[in-house]
Amino acid sequence: MIITCMDARINVEAALGLKPGEAHILRNAGGSVTDDVLRSAIISTNLMGTRQIMVINHTNCGMMNCSSEELQKQFAQKYGKAVVSPNSFYTIDDLDQHAREQVAKLRDHPWIPEGTVIRGFTYDVHTGRLHDVEGA
């Protein structure tokens, strides 16, 4: 399973040499382990045999240019108060730290099977290189 950003500059299959059907690929703004991503990871590891998870964040991510509070305020001013809105937009202050935090959410969850290999990476959108994040 690969969890990464929805940024169109990241061609996950090409970057990792994957063929269609070889991995579950979950994408969202910032490549964050949200409740829905966690739900999918639990299903994938428990019911579909997934034994490895990669969290891939990337350089020049748009989620690094703002804060959740700023976005909440901006959208509320533009559209008014929403009946249902995200609790967080999962913005990023430090790319490597964000990868470590996302990996920890998965590793620490009791419903992700013990022994599942979970690692964090950053993808450089300029060079196309994948870097292992230390401590993730």
C-alpha atoms as a PDB file:
ATOM      1  CA  MET A   1       0.000   0.000   0.000  1.00  0.00           C
ATOM      2  CA  ILE A   2       1.221   3.482  -0.849  1.00  0.00           C
ATOM      3  CA  ILE A   3      -0.117   6.604   0.830  1.00  0.00           C
ATOM      4  CA  THR A   4       0.857   9.781  -0.970  1.00  0.00           C
ATOM      5  CA  CYS A   5      -0.264  13.247  -2.010  1.00  0.00           C
ATOM      6  CA  MET A   6      -2.821  13.897  -4.721  1.00  0.00           C
ATOM      7  CA  ASP A   7      -0.300  16.160  -6.487  1.00  0.00           C
ATOM      8  CA  ALA A   8      -0.359  15.293 -10.198  1.00  0.00           C
ATOM      9  CA  ARG A   9       3.430  15.691 -10.454  1.00  0.00           C
ATOM     10  CA  ILE A  10       3.832  12.380  -8.617  1.00  0.00           C
ATOM     11  CA  ASN A  11       3.490   9.410 -10.934  1.00  0.00           C
ATOM     12  CA  VAL A  12       3.582   6.731  -8.256  1.00  0.00           C
ATOM     13  CA  GLU A  13       3.480   3.760 -10.582  1.00  0.00           C
ATOM     14  CA  ALA A  14       6.359   5.039 -12.730  1.00  0.00           C
ATOM     15  CA  ALA A  15       8.447   6.186  -9.747  1.00  0.00           C
ATOM     16  CA  LEU A  16       8.192   2.772  -8.079  1.00  0.00           C
ATOM     17  CA  GLY A  17       8.081   0.611 -11.221  1.00  0.00           C
ATOM     18  CA  LEU A  18       4.606  -0.706 -10.404  1.00  0.00           C
ATOM     19  CA  LYS A  19       2.194  -2.328 -12.799  1.00  0.00           C
ATOM     20  CA  PRO A  20      -1.584  -1.902 -12.462  1.00  0.00           C
ATOM     21  CA  GLY A  21      -2.941  -4.011  -9.612  1.00  0.00           C
ATOM     22  CA  GLU A  22       0.365  -4.395  -7.760  1.00  0.00           C
ATOM     23  CA  ALA A  23      -0.412  -1.974  -4.914  1.00  0.00           C
ATOM     24  CA  HIS A  24      -3.233  -0.109  -3.232  1.00  0.00           C
ATOM     25  CA  ILE A  25      -2.526   3.571  -3.816  1.00  0.00           C
ATOM     26  CA  LEU A  26      -4.276   6.095  -1.567  1.00  0.00           C
ATOM     27  CA  ARG A  27      -3.944   9.772  -2.385  1.00  0.00           C
ATOM     28  CA  ASN A  28      -5.079  12.899  -0.570  1.00  0.00           C
ATOM     29  CA  ALA A  29      -3.915  16.456  -0.048  1.00  0.00           C
ATOM     30  CA  GLY A  30      -0.592  16.163   1.773  1.00  0.00           C
ATOM     31  CA  GLY A  31      -0.352  12.372   1.844  1.00  0.00           C
ATOM     32  CA  SER A  32      -1.758  12.244   5.374  1.00  0.00           C
ATOM     33  CA  VAL A  33      -3.076   9.314   7.381  1.00  0.00           C
ATOM     34  CA  THR A  34      -6.621  10.567   7.865  1.00  0.00           C
ATOM     35  CA  ASP A  35      -9.447   8.494   9.348  1.00  0.00           C
ATOM     36  CA  ASP A  36     -10.395   7.261   5.883  1.00  0.00           C
ATOM     37  CA  VAL A  37      -6.811   6.311   4.994  1.00  0.00           C
ATOM     38  CA  LEU A  38      -6.501   4.489   8.308  1.00  0.00           C
ATOM     39  CA  ARG A  39      -9.759   2.637   7.580  1.00  0.00           C
ATOM     40  CA  SER A  40      -8.400   1.547   4.198  1.00  0.00           C
ATOM     41  CA  ALA A  41      -5.045   0.503   5.700  1.00  0.00           C
ATOM     42  CA  ILE A  42      -6.815  -1.667   8.274  1.00  0.00           C
ATOM     43  CA  ILE A  43      -8.891  -3.346   5.549  1.00  0.00           C
ATOM     44  CA  SER A  44      -5.897  -3.761   3.222  1.00  0.00           C
ATOM     45  CA  THR A  45      -3.629  -5.312   5.868  1.00  0.00           C
ATOM     46  CA  ASN A  46      -6.248  -7.510   7.506  1.00  0.00           C
ATOM     47  CA  LEU A  47      -8.435  -8.642   4.620  1.00  0.00           C
ATOM     48  CA  MET A  48      -6.284  -8.295   1.513  1.00  0.00           C
ATOM     49  CA  GLY A  49      -2.875  -9.485   2.651  1.00  0.00           C
ATOM     50  CA  THR A  50      -0.931  -6.222   2.451  1.00  0.00           C
ATOM     51  CA  ARG A  51       2.301  -6.507   4.459  1.00  0.00           C
ATOM     52  CA  GLN A  52       4.113  -3.309   3.470  1.00  0.00           C
ATOM     53  CA  ILE A  53       3.004   0.315   3.620  1.00  0.00           C
ATOM     54  CA  MET A  54       4.885   3.300   2.204  1.00  0.00           C
ATOM     55  CA  VAL A  55       4.043   6.865   3.197  1.00  0.00           C
ATOM     56  CA  ILE A  56       5.425   9.214   0.542  1.00  0.00           C
ATOM     57  CA  ASN A  57       5.383  12.969   1.036  1.00  0.00           C
ATOM     58  CA  HIS A  58       6.973  15.323  -1.478  1.00  0.00           C
ATOM     59  CA  THR A  59       8.914  18.539  -1.864  1.00  0.00           C
ATOM     60  CA  ASN A  60       7.068  21.725  -2.829  1.00  0.00           C
ATOM     61  CA  CYS A  61       3.788  20.389  -1.424  1.00  0.00           C
ATOM     62  CA  GLY A  62       0.964  22.929  -1.396  1.00  0.00           C
ATOM     63  CA  MET A  63       0.008  21.806   2.104  1.00  0.00           C
ATOM     64  CA  MET A  64       3.250  23.384   3.351  1.00  0.00           C
ATOM     65  CA  ASN A  65       2.135  26.888   2.415  1.00  0.00           C
ATOM     66  CA  CYS A  66      -0.644  27.325   4.962  1.00  0.00           C
ATOM     67  CA  SER A  67      -2.068  26.196   8.276  1.00  0.00           C
ATOM     68  CA  SER A  68      -5.297  24.361   9.029  1.00  0.00           C
ATOM     69  CA  GLU A  69      -6.495  27.397  10.966  1.00  0.00           C
ATOM     70  CA  GLU A  70      -5.812  29.725   8.032  1.00  0.00           C
ATOM     71  CA  LEU A  71      -7.689  27.447   5.647  1.00  0.00           C
ATOM     72  CA  GLN A  72     -10.666  27.082   8.016  1.00  0.00           C
ATOM     73  CA  LYS A  73     -10.834  30.876   8.345  1.00  0.00           C
ATOM     74  CA  GLN A  74     -10.390  31.471   4.597  1.00  0.00           C
ATOM     75  CA  PHE A  75     -13.164  29.055   3.609  1.00  0.00           C
ATOM     76  CA  ALA A  76     -15.524  30.290   6.330  1.00  0.00           C
ATOM     77  CA  GLN A  77     -15.044  33.886   5.150  1.00  0.00           C
ATOM     78  CA  LYS A  78     -15.546  32.930   1.522  1.00  0.00           C
ATOM     79  CA  TYR A  79     -18.481  30.519   1.899  1.00  0.00           C
ATOM     80  CA  GLY A  80     -19.847  30.996   5.400  1.00  0.00           C
ATOM     81  CA  LYS A  81     -19.849  28.532   8.230  1.00  0.00           C
ATOM     82  CA  ALA A  82     -20.230  24.904   7.102  1.00  0.00           C
ATOM     83  CA  VAL A  83     -22.516  22.430   8.797  1.00  0.00           C
ATOM     84  CA  VAL A  84     -19.869  19.748   8.241  1.00  0.00           C
ATOM     85  CA  SER A  85     -16.236  20.641   7.680  1.00  0.00           C
ATOM     86  CA  PRO A  86     -12.903  18.868   8.115  1.00  0.00           C
ATOM     87  CA  ASN A  87     -11.522  18.844  11.656  1.00  0.00           C
ATOM     88  CA  SER A  88      -8.112  19.431  10.147  1.00  0.00           C
ATOM     89  CA  PHE A  89      -6.613  20.072   6.731  1.00  0.00           C
ATOM     90  CA  TYR A  90      -3.450  18.220   7.802  1.00  0.00           C
ATOM     91  CA  THR A  91      -1.064  20.955   6.756  1.00  0.00           C
ATOM     92  CA  ILE A  92       2.686  20.345   6.907  1.00  0.00           C
ATOM     93  CA  ASP A  93       5.353  22.336   8.764  1.00  0.00           C
ATOM     94  CA  ASP A  94       8.291  19.947   8.346  1.00  0.00           C
ATOM     95  CA  LEU A  95       8.258  17.369   5.555  1.00  0.00           C
ATOM     96  CA  ASP A  96      10.350  14.683   7.276  1.00  0.00           C
ATOM     97  CA  GLN A  97       8.545  15.131  10.585  1.00  0.00           C
ATOM     98  CA  HIS A  98       5.199  14.845   8.820  1.00  0.00           C
ATOM     99  CA  ALA A  99       6.289  11.520   7.285  1.00  0.00           C
ATOM    100  CA  ARG A 100       7.416  10.286  10.733  1.00  0.00           C
ATOM    101  CA  GLU A 101       4.065  11.270  12.268  1.00  0.00           C
ATOM    102  CA  GLN A 102       2.053   9.519   9.540  1.00  0.00           C
ATOM    103  CA  VAL A 103       4.128   6.342   9.901  1.00  0.00           C
ATOM    104  CA  ALA A 104       3.658   6.455  13.696  1.00  0.00           C
ATOM    105  CA  LYS A 105      -0.147   6.686  13.288  1.00  0.00           C
ATOM    106  CA  LEU A 106      -0.061   3.419  11.354  1.00  0.00           C
ATOM    107  CA  ARG A 107       2.543   1.618  13.476  1.00  0.00           C
ATOM    108  CA  ASP A 108       0.815   2.537  16.726  1.00  0.00           C
ATOM    109  CA  HIS A 109      -2.642   1.443  15.666  1.00  0.00           C
ATOM    110  CA  PRO A 110      -3.593  -1.876  17.287  1.00  0.00           C
ATOM    111  CA  TRP A 111      -5.560  -3.030  14.214  1.00  0.00           C
ATOM    112  CA  ILE A 112      -2.587  -2.868  11.852  1.00  0.00           C
ATOM    113  CA  PRO A 113      -1.063  -6.362  12.103  1.00  0.00           C
ATOM    114  CA  GLU A 114       2.224  -6.724  13.907  1.00  0.00           C
ATOM    115  CA  GLY A 115       5.048  -7.291  11.455  1.00  0.00           C
ATOM    116  CA  THR A 116       3.626  -4.963   8.794  1.00  0.00           C
ATOM    117  CA  VAL A 117       6.581  -3.070   7.330  1.00  0.00           C
ATOM    118  CA  ILE A 118       5.748   0.654   7.425  1.00  0.00           C
ATOM    119  CA  ARG A 119       8.237   3.230   6.130  1.00  0.00           C
ATOM    120  CA  GLY A 120       8.253   6.914   5.316  1.00  0.00           C
ATOM    121  CA  PHE A 121       9.774   8.661   2.320  1.00  0.00           C
ATOM    122  CA  THR A 122      10.005  12.010   0.608  1.00  0.00           C
ATOM    123  CA  TYR A 123       9.832  12.369  -3.155  1.00  0.00           C
ATOM    124  CA  ASP A 124      11.758  15.215  -4.780  1.00  0.00           C
ATOM    125  CA  VAL A 125       9.501  16.580  -7.533  1.00  0.00           C
ATOM    126  CA  HIS A 126      12.495  18.155  -9.309  1.00  0.00           C
ATOM    127  CA  THR A 127      14.784  15.115  -9.451  1.00  0.00           C
ATOM    128  CA  GLY A 128      12.263  12.283  -9.208  1.00  0.00           C
ATOM    129  CA  ARG A 129      14.311  10.736  -6.401  1.00  0.00           C
ATOM    130  CA  LEU A 130      12.805   8.990  -3.415  1.00  0.00           C
ATOM    131  CA  HIS A 131      14.525   9.541  -0.054  1.00  0.00           C
ATOM    132  CA  ASP A 132      14.121   7.301   2.999  1.00  0.00           C
ATOM    133  CA  VAL A 133      13.120   9.437   6.005  1.00  0.00           C
ATOM    134  CA  GLU A 134      15.302   8.638   8.974  1.00  0.00           C
ATOM    135  CA  GLY A 135      13.281   7.486  11.956  1.00  0.00           C
ATOM    136  CA  ALA A 136      10.187   6.754   9.878  1.00  0.00           C
END
